[in-house]
Structure formats: C-alpha cells, structure tokens
Amino acid sequence: MNLGGILDVAGRQSLGRHGTFLVPLALMFGIMYFLVILPQSRQRKKVQAMLAAIKNGDKVVTNSGIYGTINGMDGDTIILKIADNVKIRIARAAICAGGAPQDAAK
C-alpha cells in the first residue's frame, strides 16, 4: 500500500468518527428544543398575553400568594386591593394568575 492510500483511509476514518459524534449531539439538541425550549416559550407568551389583558376590577393572585382585586394601574405598577381600606403597590410582573376564586379575594 502506498502513502496516498494510507492517508485516504485515515481521512475516511477521521470523518466517520466526527460524523458519528455529531449525529447524537444534533439529536440531543432537537429533543431538548422540543421538550424544554418550545414549551417554555409558549408559556412565556401566554403569561405576557395575560398580563397585557388585565384591567381594573380583575381578581388576581401574586407570585407571593396574595389574592386581591386590581384597583388601579400606572405603567408597570399595579395597585392591588387586598382588603377593605388596604391597598398595596406591586409590579405588574408579580401577577402570576388571573381570575382568582370569588371567596379567596374577600
């Protein structure tokens, strides 16, 4: 066998090793995209739509578990009525759920 034949065989083996490494790596990336990234982006869009749709009088729950009714909005802050004569100012991003149960907000 001559030197050209040896280099040709070595080149094919090298390419084969890299190719077998890249295929599983691409499959793992694809699986992670469909299992993690895609659902997370859908959830983020849903939360952003919910935050954009809130208005005065809506019953909401904050991230810290405080139930209340939106009493006013000022840009990125919300005035939340949590009891009679008790109002707090929170960030709009602190709202995690809308449509709190009727008896929970009393």
PDB file of N, CA and C in Angstrom:
ATOM      1  N   MET A   1       0.852  -1.168   0.000  1.00  0.00           N
ATOM      2  CA  MET A   1       0.000   0.000   0.000  1.00  0.00           C
ATOM      3  C   MET A   1       0.899   1.233   0.000  1.00  0.00           C
ATOM      4  N   ASN A   2       0.545   2.222  -0.775  1.00  0.00           N
ATOM      5  CA  ASN A   2       1.376   3.423  -0.853  1.00  0.00           C
ATOM      6  C   ASN A   2       0.913   4.466   0.169  1.00  0.00           C
ATOM      7  N   LEU A   3       1.620   5.569   0.266  1.00  0.00           N
ATOM      8  CA  LEU A   3       1.337   6.627   1.236  1.00  0.00           C
ATOM      9  C   LEU A   3      -0.017   7.285   0.960  1.00  0.00           C
ATOM     10  N   GLY A   4      -0.375   7.451  -0.300  1.00  0.00           N
ATOM     11  CA  GLY A   4      -1.658   8.054  -0.665  1.00  0.00           C
ATOM     12  C   GLY A   4      -2.829   7.208  -0.173  1.00  0.00           C
ATOM     13  N   GLY A   5      -2.695   5.904  -0.289  1.00  0.00           N
ATOM     14  CA  GLY A   5      -3.745   5.012   0.178  1.00  0.00           C
ATOM     15  C   GLY A   5      -3.905   5.052   1.688  1.00  0.00           C
ATOM     16  N   ILE A   6      -2.798   5.156   2.395  1.00  0.00           N
ATOM     17  CA  ILE A   6      -2.850   5.233   3.866  1.00  0.00           C
ATOM     18  C   ILE A   6      -3.526   6.531   4.306  1.00  0.00           C
ATOM     19  N   LEU A   7      -3.196   7.643   3.701  1.00  0.00           N
ATOM     20  CA  LEU A   7      -3.805   8.917   4.064  1.00  0.00           C
ATOM     21  C   LEU A   7      -5.289   8.935   3.735  1.00  0.00           C
ATOM     22  N   ASP A   8      -5.660   8.296   2.622  1.00  0.00           N
ATOM     23  CA  ASP A   8      -7.060   8.245   2.239  1.00  0.00           C
ATOM     24  C   ASP A   8      -7.873   7.457   3.260  1.00  0.00           C
ATOM     25  N   VAL A   9      -7.364   6.325   3.712  1.00  0.00           N
ATOM     26  CA  VAL A   9      -8.046   5.508   4.718  1.00  0.00           C
ATOM     27  C   VAL A   9      -8.132   6.268   6.039  1.00  0.00           C
ATOM     28  N   ALA A  10      -7.052   6.929   6.448  1.00  0.00           N
ATOM     29  CA  ALA A  10      -7.053   7.691   7.690  1.00  0.00           C
ATOM     30  C   ALA A  10      -8.057   8.841   7.615  1.00  0.00           C
ATOM     31  N   GLY A  11      -8.160   9.481   6.472  1.00  0.00           N
ATOM     32  CA  GLY A  11      -9.116  10.579   6.297  1.00  0.00           C
ATOM     33  C   GLY A  11     -10.550  10.110   6.418  1.00  0.00           C
ATOM     34  N   ARG A  12     -10.863   8.971   5.863  1.00  0.00           N
ATOM     35  CA  ARG A  12     -12.223   8.425   5.962  1.00  0.00           C
ATOM     36  C   ARG A  12     -12.557   8.028   7.391  1.00  0.00           C
ATOM     37  N   GLN A  13     -11.617   7.455   8.102  1.00  0.00           N
ATOM     38  CA  GLN A  13     -11.860   7.063   9.484  1.00  0.00           C
ATOM     39  C   GLN A  13     -12.085   8.293  10.351  1.00  0.00           C
ATOM     40  N   SER A  14     -11.326   9.332  10.125  1.00  0.00           N
ATOM     41  CA  SER A  14     -11.472  10.563  10.889  1.00  0.00           C
ATOM     42  C   SER A  14     -12.848  11.175  10.651  1.00  0.00           C
ATOM     43  N   LEU A  15     -13.273  11.238   9.416  1.00  0.00           N
ATOM     44  CA  LEU A  15     -14.571  11.785   9.079  1.00  0.00           C
ATOM     45  C   LEU A  15     -15.682  10.935   9.694  1.00  0.00           C
ATOM     46  N   GLY A  16     -15.516   9.653   9.684  1.00  0.00           N
ATOM     47  CA  GLY A  16     -16.520   8.761  10.255  1.00  0.00           C
ATOM     48  C   GLY A  16     -16.670   8.966  11.752  1.00  0.00           C
ATOM     49  N   ARG A  17     -15.566   9.159  12.452  1.00  0.00           N
ATOM     50  CA  ARG A  17     -15.636   9.379  13.894  1.00  0.00           C
ATOM     51  C   ARG A  17     -16.346  10.695  14.220  1.00  0.00           C
ATOM     52  N   HIS A  18     -16.063  11.732  13.467  1.00  0.00           N
ATOM     53  CA  HIS A  18     -16.712  13.018  13.721  1.00  0.00           C
ATOM     54  C   HIS A  18     -18.186  12.968  13.348  1.00  0.00           C
ATOM     55  N   GLY A  19     -18.495  12.284  12.295  1.00  0.00           N
ATOM     56  CA  GLY A  19     -19.884  12.165  11.881  1.00  0.00           C
ATOM     57  C   GLY A  19     -20.722  11.409  12.901  1.00  0.00           C
ATOM     58  N   THR A  20     -20.176  10.364  13.485  1.00  0.00           N
ATOM     59  CA  THR A  20     -20.923   9.610  14.485  1.00  0.00           C
ATOM     60  C   THR A  20     -21.055  10.400  15.774  1.00  0.00           C
ATOM     61  N   PHE A  21     -20.194  11.375  16.006  1.00  0.00           N
ATOM     62  CA  PHE A  21     -20.305  12.212  17.194  1.00  0.00           C
ATOM     63  C   PHE A  21     -21.352  13.312  16.987  1.00  0.00           C
ATOM     64  N   LEU A  22     -21.430  13.852  15.792  1.00  0.00           N
ATOM     65  CA  LEU A  22     -22.333  14.969  15.533  1.00  0.00           C
ATOM     66  C   LEU A  22     -23.800  14.557  15.454  1.00  0.00           C
ATOM     67  N   VAL A  23     -24.072  13.369  14.984  1.00  0.00           N
ATOM     68  CA  VAL A  23     -25.459  12.921  14.859  1.00  0.00           C
ATOM     69  C   VAL A  23     -26.144  12.820  16.226  1.00  0.00           C
ATOM     70  N   PRO A  24     -25.570  12.151  17.234  1.00  0.00           N
ATOM     71  CA  PRO A  24     -26.230  12.119  18.541  1.00  0.00           C
ATOM     72  C   PRO A  24     -26.322  13.505  19.186  1.00  0.00           C
ATOM     73  N   LEU A  25     -25.328  14.340  18.953  1.00  0.00           N
ATOM     74  CA  LEU A  25     -25.355  15.691  19.500  1.00  0.00           C
ATOM     75  C   LEU A  25     -26.521  16.481  18.904  1.00  0.00           C
ATOM     76  N   ALA A  26     -26.728  16.353  17.610  1.00  0.00           N
ATOM     77  CA  ALA A  26     -27.850  17.035  16.956  1.00  0.00           C
ATOM     78  C   ALA A  26     -29.185  16.480  17.437  1.00  0.00           C
ATOM     79  N   LEU A  27     -29.261  15.181  17.634  1.00  0.00           N
ATOM     80  CA  LEU A  27     -30.491  14.575  18.158  1.00  0.00           C
ATOM     81  C   LEU A  27     -30.792  15.065  19.578  1.00  0.00           C
ATOM     82  N   MET A  28     -29.775  15.160  20.414  1.00  0.00           N
ATOM     83  CA  MET A  28     -29.976  15.650  21.789  1.00  0.00           C
ATOM     84  C   MET A  28     -30.442  17.104  21.767  1.00  0.00           C
ATOM     85  N   PHE A  29     -29.875  17.928  20.903  1.00  0.00           N
ATOM     86  CA  PHE A  29     -30.310  19.312  20.800  1.00  0.00           C
ATOM     87  C   PHE A  29     -31.764  19.386  20.340  1.00  0.00           C
ATOM     88  N   GLY A  30     -32.135  18.576  19.371  1.00  0.00           N
ATOM     89  CA  GLY A  30     -33.511  18.560  18.888  1.00  0.00           C
ATOM     90  C   GLY A  30     -34.490  18.135  19.972  1.00  0.00           C
ATOM     91  N   ILE A  31     -34.139  17.121  20.723  1.00  0.00           N
ATOM     92  CA  ILE A  31     -35.007  16.660  21.810  1.00  0.00           C
ATOM     93  C   ILE A  31     -35.144  17.739  22.879  1.00  0.00           C
ATOM     94  N   MET A  32     -34.033  18.386  23.248  1.00  0.00           N
ATOM     95  CA  MET A  32     -34.082  19.452  24.254  1.00  0.00           C
ATOM     96  C   MET A  32     -34.932  20.623  23.757  1.00  0.00           C
ATOM     97  N   TYR A  33     -34.859  20.923  22.472  1.00  0.00           N
ATOM     98  CA  TYR A  33     -35.663  22.010  21.924  1.00  0.00           C
ATOM     99  C   TYR A  33     -37.149  21.704  22.086  1.00  0.00           C
ATOM    100  N   PHE A  34     -37.568  20.503  21.718  1.00  0.00           N
ATOM    101  CA  PHE A  34     -38.985  20.165  21.780  1.00  0.00           C
ATOM    102  C   PHE A  34     -39.478  19.916  23.199  1.00  0.00           C
ATOM    103  N   LEU A  35     -38.616  19.489  24.113  1.00  0.00           N
ATOM    104  CA  LEU A  35     -39.042  19.205  25.480  1.00  0.00           C
ATOM    105  C   LEU A  35     -38.895  20.385  26.431  1.00  0.00           C
ATOM    106  N   VAL A  36     -37.973  21.313  26.159  1.00  0.00           N
ATOM    107  CA  VAL A  36     -37.708  22.399  27.099  1.00  0.00           C
ATOM    108  C   VAL A  36     -37.976  23.772  26.490  1.00  0.00           C
ATOM    109  N   ILE A  37     -37.326  24.088  25.403  1.00  0.00           N
ATOM    110  CA  ILE A  37     -37.355  25.449  24.876  1.00  0.00           C
ATOM    111  C   ILE A  37     -38.721  25.814  24.297  1.00  0.00           C
ATOM    112  N   LEU A  38     -39.300  24.963  23.499  1.00  0.00           N
ATOM    113  CA  LEU A  38     -40.587  25.257  22.870  1.00  0.00           C
ATOM    114  C   LEU A  38     -41.715  25.427  23.902  1.00  0.00           C
ATOM    115  N   PRO A  39     -41.892  24.513  24.868  1.00  0.00           N
ATOM    116  CA  PRO A  39     -42.943  24.727  25.873  1.00  0.00           C
ATOM    117  C   PRO A  39     -42.709  25.981  26.721  1.00  0.00           C
ATOM    118  N   GLN A  40     -41.453  26.278  27.018  1.00  0.00           N
ATOM    119  CA  GLN A  40     -41.157  27.462  27.815  1.00  0.00           C
ATOM    120  C   GLN A  40     -41.521  28.738  27.059  1.00  0.00           C
ATOM    121  N   SER A  41     -41.257  28.789  25.773  1.00  0.00           N
ATOM    122  CA  SER A  41     -41.601  29.982  25.003  1.00  0.00           C
ATOM    123  C   SER A  41     -43.122  30.123  24.863  1.00  0.00           C
ATOM    124  N   ARG A  42     -43.829  29.009  24.733  1.00  0.00           N
ATOM    125  CA  ARG A  42     -45.294  29.059  24.697  1.00  0.00           C
ATOM    126  C   ARG A  42     -45.852  29.582  26.020  1.00  0.00           C
ATOM    127  N   GLN A  43     -45.305  29.112  27.147  1.00  0.00           N
ATOM    128  CA  GLN A  43     -45.750  29.550  28.465  1.00  0.00           C
ATOM    129  C   GLN A  43     -45.477  31.040  28.649  1.00  0.00           C
ATOM    130  N   ARG A  44     -44.310  31.510  28.217  1.00  0.00           N
ATOM    131  CA  ARG A  44     -43.956  32.923  28.348  1.00  0.00           C
ATOM    132  C   ARG A  44     -44.912  33.798  27.545  1.00  0.00           C
ATOM    133  N   LYS A  45     -45.275  33.371  26.327  1.00  0.00           N
ATOM    134  CA  LYS A  45     -46.216  34.127  25.512  1.00  0.00           C
ATOM    135  C   LYS A  45     -47.590  34.176  26.167  1.00  0.00           C
ATOM    136  N   LYS A  46     -48.003  33.072  26.784  1.00  0.00           N
ATOM    137  CA  LYS A  46     -49.300  33.017  27.446  1.00  0.00           C
ATOM    138  C   LYS A  46     -49.347  33.968  28.645  1.00  0.00           C
ATOM    139  N   VAL A  47     -48.272  34.004  29.426  1.00  0.00           N
ATOM    140  CA  VAL A  47     -48.208  34.890  30.591  1.00  0.00           C
ATOM    141  C   VAL A  47     -48.188  36.345  30.145  1.00  0.00           C
ATOM    142  N   GLN A  48     -47.430  36.667  29.103  1.00  0.00           N
ATOM    143  CA  GLN A  48     -47.384  38.040  28.608  1.00  0.00           C
ATOM    144  C   GLN A  48     -48.748  38.488  28.097  1.00  0.00           C
ATOM    145  N   ALA A  49     -49.482  37.603  27.447  1.00  0.00           N
ATOM    146  CA  ALA A  49     -50.827  37.938  26.976  1.00  0.00           C
ATOM    147  C   ALA A  49     -51.765  38.166  28.154  1.00  0.00           C
ATOM    148  N   MET A  50     -51.633  37.356  29.200  1.00  0.00           N
ATOM    149  CA  MET A  50     -52.474  37.527  30.387  1.00  0.00           C
ATOM    150  C   MET A  50     -52.173  38.853  31.074  1.00  0.00           C
ATOM    151  N   LEU A  51     -50.894  39.214  31.193  1.00  0.00           N
ATOM    152  CA  LEU A  51     -50.527  40.473  31.841  1.00  0.00           C
ATOM    153  C   LEU A  51     -50.987  41.674  31.020  1.00  0.00           C
ATOM    154  N   ALA A  52     -50.980  41.553  29.716  1.00  0.00           N
ATOM    155  CA  ALA A  52     -51.431  42.655  28.861  1.00  0.00           C
ATOM    156  C   ALA A  52     -52.944  42.824  28.916  1.00  0.00           C
ATOM    157  N   ALA A  53     -53.677  41.769  29.244  1.00  0.00           N
ATOM    158  CA  ALA A  53     -55.139  41.807  29.220  1.00  0.00           C
ATOM    159  C   ALA A  53     -55.770  42.174  30.564  1.00  0.00           C
ATOM    160  N   ILE A  54     -54.980  42.292  31.637  1.00  0.00           N
ATOM    161  CA  ILE A  54     -55.598  42.601  32.930  1.00  0.00           C
ATOM    162  C   ILE A  54     -56.086  44.046  32.944  1.00  0.00           C
ATOM    163  N   LYS A  55     -57.152  44.272  33.717  1.00  0.00           N
ATOM    164  CA  LYS A  55     -57.755  45.604  33.797  1.00  0.00           C
ATOM    165  C   LYS A  55     -58.295  45.819  35.205  1.00  0.00           C
ATOM    166  N   ASN A  56     -58.740  47.036  35.476  1.00  0.00           N
ATOM    167  CA  ASN A  56     -59.292  47.351  36.793  1.00  0.00           C
ATOM    168  C   ASN A  56     -60.477  46.442  37.106  1.00  0.00           C
ATOM    169  N   GLY A  57     -60.524  45.975  38.346  1.00  0.00           N
ATOM    170  CA  GLY A  57     -61.610  45.107  38.787  1.00  0.00           C
ATOM    171  C   GLY A  57     -61.317  43.629  38.655  1.00  0.00           C
ATOM    172  N   ASP A  58     -60.264  43.252  37.957  1.00  0.00           N
ATOM    173  CA  ASP A  58     -59.904  41.834  37.823  1.00  0.00           C
ATOM    174  C   ASP A  58     -59.373  41.298  39.142  1.00  0.00           C
ATOM    175  N   LYS A  59     -59.745  40.080  39.446  1.00  0.00           N
ATOM    176  CA  LYS A  59     -59.223  39.403  40.634  1.00  0.00           C
ATOM    177  C   LYS A  59     -57.990  38.611  40.212  1.00  0.00           C
ATOM    178  N   VAL A  60     -56.894  38.781  40.970  1.00  0.00           N
ATOM    179  CA  VAL A  60     -55.623  38.173  40.591  1.00  0.00           C
ATOM    180  C   VAL A  60     -54.931  37.582  41.812  1.00  0.00           C
ATOM    181  N   VAL A  61     -53.882  36.813  41.533  1.00  0.00           N
ATOM    182  CA  VAL A  61     -53.020  36.236  42.562  1.00  0.00           C
ATOM    183  C   VAL A  61     -51.595  36.653  42.225  1.00  0.00           C
ATOM    184  N   THR A  62     -50.839  37.089  43.239  1.00  0.00           N
ATOM    185  CA  THR A  62     -49.452  37.471  43.003  1.00  0.00           C
ATOM    186  C   THR A  62     -48.545  36.258  43.166  1.00  0.00           C
ATOM    187  N   ASN A  63     -47.272  36.426  42.791  1.00  0.00           N
ATOM    188  CA  ASN A  63     -46.302  35.346  42.940  1.00  0.00           C
ATOM    189  C   ASN A  63     -46.120  34.939  44.391  1.00  0.00           C
ATOM    190  N   SER A  64     -46.331  35.880  45.307  1.00  0.00           N
ATOM    191  CA  SER A  64     -46.156  35.573  46.731  1.00  0.00           C
ATOM    192  C   SER A  64     -47.420  34.996  47.354  1.00  0.00           C
ATOM    193  N   GLY A  65     -48.495  34.840  46.576  1.00  0.00           N
ATOM    194  CA  GLY A  65     -49.703  34.196  47.072  1.00  0.00           C
ATOM    195  C   GLY A  65     -50.739  35.154  47.622  1.00  0.00           C
ATOM    196  N   ILE A  66     -50.620  36.436  47.340  1.00  0.00           N
ATOM    197  CA  ILE A  66     -51.589  37.425  47.820  1.00  0.00           C
ATOM    198  C   ILE A  66     -52.730  37.514  46.814  1.00  0.00           C
ATOM    199  N   TYR A  67     -53.953  37.313  47.307  1.00  0.00           N
ATOM    200  CA  TYR A  67     -55.145  37.436  46.479  1.00  0.00           C
ATOM    201  C   TYR A  67     -55.671  38.858  46.599  1.00  0.00           C
ATOM    202  N   GLY A  68     -56.138  39.421  45.493  1.00  0.00           N
ATOM    203  CA  GLY A  68     -56.670  40.765  45.548  1.00  0.00           C
ATOM    204  C   GLY A  68     -57.360  41.155  44.263  1.00  0.00           C
ATOM    205  N   THR A  69     -57.857  42.396  44.273  1.00  0.00           N
ATOM    206  CA  THR A  69     -58.545  42.960  43.122  1.00  0.00           C
ATOM    207  C   THR A  69     -57.756  44.161  42.639  1.00  0.00           C
ATOM    208  N   ILE A  70     -57.579  44.267  41.340  1.00  0.00           N
ATOM    209  CA  ILE A  70     -56.833  45.390  40.783  1.00  0.00           C
ATOM    210  C   ILE A  70     -57.677  46.646  40.935  1.00  0.00           C
ATOM    211  N   ASN A  71     -57.062  47.655  41.576  1.00  0.00           N
ATOM    212  CA  ASN A  71     -57.759  48.903  41.847  1.00  0.00           C
ATOM    213  C   ASN A  71     -57.256  50.027  40.960  1.00  0.00           C
ATOM    214  N   GLY A  72     -56.076  49.889  40.411  1.00  0.00           N
ATOM    215  CA  GLY A  72     -55.535  50.907  39.530  1.00  0.00           C
ATOM    216  C   GLY A  72     -54.242  50.419  38.898  1.00  0.00           C
ATOM    217  N   MET A  73     -53.892  51.033  37.767  1.00  0.00           N
ATOM    218  CA  MET A  73     -52.657  50.657  37.081  1.00  0.00           C
ATOM    219  C   MET A  73     -51.921  51.921  36.685  1.00  0.00           C
ATOM    220  N   ASP A  74     -50.596  51.878  36.823  1.00  0.00           N
ATOM    221  CA  ASP A  74     -49.761  53.025  36.481  1.00  0.00           C
ATOM    222  C   ASP A  74     -48.487  52.501  35.825  1.00  0.00           C
ATOM    223  N   GLY A  75     -48.539  52.279  34.517  1.00  0.00           N
ATOM    224  CA  GLY A  75     -47.369  51.771  33.806  1.00  0.00           C
ATOM    225  C   GLY A  75     -47.075  50.326  34.191  1.00  0.00           C
ATOM    226  N   ASP A  76     -45.921  50.110  34.804  1.00  0.00           N
ATOM    227  CA  ASP A  76     -45.525  48.760  35.203  1.00  0.00           C
ATOM    228  C   ASP A  76     -45.911  48.425  36.642  1.00  0.00           C
ATOM    229  N   THR A  77     -46.624  49.307  37.313  1.00  0.00           N
ATOM    230  CA  THR A  77     -47.055  49.024  38.678  1.00  0.00           C
ATOM    231  C   THR A  77     -48.574  48.919  38.728  1.00  0.00           C
ATOM    232  N   ILE A  78     -49.037  48.155  39.698  1.00  0.00           N
ATOM    233  CA  ILE A  78     -50.469  47.918  39.881  1.00  0.00           C
ATOM    234  C   ILE A  78     -50.805  48.177  41.343  1.00  0.00           C
ATOM    235  N   ILE A  79     -51.940  48.830  41.564  1.00  0.00           N
ATOM    236  CA  ILE A  79     -52.442  48.999  42.930  1.00  0.00           C
ATOM    237  C   ILE A  79     -53.443  47.879  43.157  1.00  0.00           C
ATOM    238  N   LEU A  80     -53.146  47.054  44.131  1.00  0.00           N
ATOM    239  CA  LEU A  80     -53.940  45.858  44.405  1.00  0.00           C
ATOM    240  C   LEU A  80     -54.674  46.036  45.719  1.00  0.00           C
ATOM    241  N   LYS A  81     -55.992  45.903  45.697  1.00  0.00           N
ATOM    242  CA  LYS A  81     -56.807  45.989  46.902  1.00  0.00           C
ATOM    243  C   LYS A  81     -56.923  44.589  47.482  1.00  0.00           C
ATOM    244  N   ILE A  82     -56.380  44.396  48.698  1.00  0.00           N
ATOM    245  CA  ILE A  82     -56.379  43.063  49.293  1.00  0.00           C
ATOM    246  C   ILE A  82     -57.378  42.934  50.436  1.00  0.00           C
ATOM    247  N   ALA A  83     -57.878  44.054  50.964  1.00  0.00           N
ATOM    248  CA  ALA A  83     -58.909  44.061  51.995  1.00  0.00           C
ATOM    249  C   ALA A  83     -59.542  45.450  51.991  1.00  0.00           C
ATOM    250  N   ASP A  84     -60.568  45.652  52.807  1.00  0.00           N
ATOM    251  CA  ASP A  84     -61.169  46.979  52.902  1.00  0.00           C
ATOM    252  C   ASP A  84     -60.129  47.963  53.417  1.00  0.00           C
ATOM    253  N   ASN A  85     -59.964  49.063  52.707  1.00  0.00           N
ATOM    254  CA  ASN A  85     -59.006  50.124  53.047  1.00  0.00           C
ATOM    255  C   ASN A  85     -57.560  49.649  53.107  1.00  0.00           C
ATOM    256  N   VAL A  86     -57.232  48.533  52.461  1.00  0.00           N
ATOM    257  CA  VAL A  86     -55.844  48.057  52.401  1.00  0.00           C
ATOM    258  C   VAL A  86     -55.475  47.873  50.931  1.00  0.00           C
ATOM    259  N   LYS A  87     -54.545  48.733  50.472  1.00  0.00           N
ATOM    260  CA  LYS A  87     -54.094  48.664  49.080  1.00  0.00           C
ATOM    261  C   LYS A  87     -52.578  48.602  49.086  1.00  0.00           C
ATOM    262  N   ILE A  88     -52.040  47.803  48.167  1.00  0.00           N
ATOM    263  CA  ILE A  88     -50.587  47.705  48.028  1.00  0.00           C
ATOM    264  C   ILE A  88     -50.210  47.975  46.582  1.00  0.00           C
ATOM    265  N   ARG A  89     -49.004  48.460  46.402  1.00  0.00           N
ATOM    266  CA  ARG A  89     -48.489  48.709  45.053  1.00  0.00           C
ATOM    267  C   ARG A  89     -47.508  47.583  44.735  1.00  0.00           C
ATOM    268  N   ILE A  90     -47.733  46.902  43.617  1.00  0.00           N
ATOM    269  CA  ILE A  90     -46.861  45.793  43.209  1.00  0.00           C
ATOM    270  C   ILE A  90     -46.468  45.980  41.750  1.00  0.00           C
ATOM    271  N   ALA A  91     -45.458  45.265  41.341  1.00  0.00           N
ATOM    272  CA  ALA A  91     -45.042  45.278  39.940  1.00  0.00           C
ATOM    273  C   ALA A  91     -46.005  44.430  39.121  1.00  0.00           C
ATOM    274  N   ARG A  92     -46.241  44.843  37.904  1.00  0.00           N
ATOM    275  CA  ARG A  92     -47.130  44.089  37.011  1.00  0.00           C
ATOM    276  C   ARG A  92     -46.614  42.661  36.813  1.00  0.00           C
ATOM    277  N   ALA A  93     -45.299  42.492  36.780  1.00  0.00           N
ATOM    278  CA  ALA A  93     -44.707  41.165  36.576  1.00  0.00           C
ATOM    279  C   ALA A  93     -44.935  40.234  37.771  1.00  0.00           C
ATOM    280  N   ALA A  94     -45.361  40.779  38.916  1.00  0.00           N
ATOM    281  CA  ALA A  94     -45.603  39.950  40.099  1.00  0.00           C
ATOM    282  C   ALA A  94     -46.941  39.227  40.039  1.00  0.00           C
ATOM    283  N   ILE A  95     -47.767  39.528  39.063  1.00  0.00           N
ATOM    284  CA  ILE A  95     -49.050  38.837  38.898  1.00  0.00           C
ATOM    285  C   ILE A  95     -48.774  37.496  38.228  1.00  0.00           C
ATOM    286  N   CYS A  96     -49.236  36.418  38.858  1.00  0.00           N
ATOM    287  CA  CYS A  96     -48.982  35.106  38.259  1.00  0.00           C
ATOM    288  C   CYS A  96     -50.245  34.437  37.741  1.00  0.00           C
ATOM    289  N   ALA A  97     -51.413  34.870  38.199  1.00  0.00           N
ATOM    290  CA  ALA A  97     -52.646  34.244  37.728  1.00  0.00           C
ATOM    291  C   ALA A  97     -53.789  35.231  37.813  1.00  0.00           C
ATOM    292  N   GLY A  98     -54.655  35.162  36.855  1.00  0.00           N
ATOM    293  CA  GLY A  98     -55.852  35.983  36.868  1.00  0.00           C
ATOM    294  C   GLY A  98     -57.053  35.122  37.186  1.00  0.00           C
ATOM    295  N   GLY A  99     -58.163  35.767  37.533  1.00  0.00           N
ATOM    296  CA  GLY A  99     -59.384  35.017  37.794  1.00  0.00           C
ATOM    297  C   GLY A  99     -59.347  34.232  39.089  1.00  0.00           C
ATOM    298  N   ALA A 100     -58.942  34.889  40.176  1.00  0.00           N
ATOM    299  CA  ALA A 100     -58.924  34.231  41.477  1.00  0.00           C
ATOM    300  C   ALA A 100     -60.341  33.887  41.898  1.00  0.00           C
ATOM    301  N   PRO A 101     -60.542  32.842  42.695  1.00  0.00           N
ATOM    302  CA  PRO A 101     -61.880  32.476  43.155  1.00  0.00           C
ATOM    303  C   PRO A 101     -62.539  33.626  43.922  1.00  0.00           C
ATOM    304  N   GLN A 102     -63.844  33.715  43.853  1.00  0.00           N
ATOM    305  CA  GLN A 102     -64.571  34.817  44.484  1.00  0.00           C
ATOM    306  C   GLN A 102     -64.344  34.896  45.991  1.00  0.00           C
ATOM    307  N   ASP A 103     -64.426  33.771  46.693  1.00  0.00           N
ATOM    308  CA  ASP A 103     -64.285  33.778  48.156  1.00  0.00           C
ATOM    309  C   ASP A 103     -62.834  33.995  48.608  1.00  0.00           C
ATOM    310  N   ALA A 104     -61.865  33.745  47.758  1.00  0.00           N
ATOM    311  CA  ALA A 104     -60.467  33.901  48.133  1.00  0.00           C
ATOM    312  C   ALA A 104     -60.069  35.369  48.179  1.00  0.00           C
ATOM    313  N   ALA A 105     -60.725  36.227  47.414  1.00  0.00           N
ATOM    314  CA  ALA A 105     -60.349  37.630  47.344  1.00  0.00           C
ATOM    315  C   ALA A 105     -61.060  38.471  48.393  1.00  0.00           C
ATOM    316  N   LYS A 106     -61.940  37.906  49.196  1.00  0.00           N
ATOM    317  CA  LYS A 106     -62.669  38.658  50.219  1.00  0.00           C
ATOM    318  C   LYS A 106     -61.833  38.895  51.443  1.00  0.00           C
TER     319      LYS A 106
END
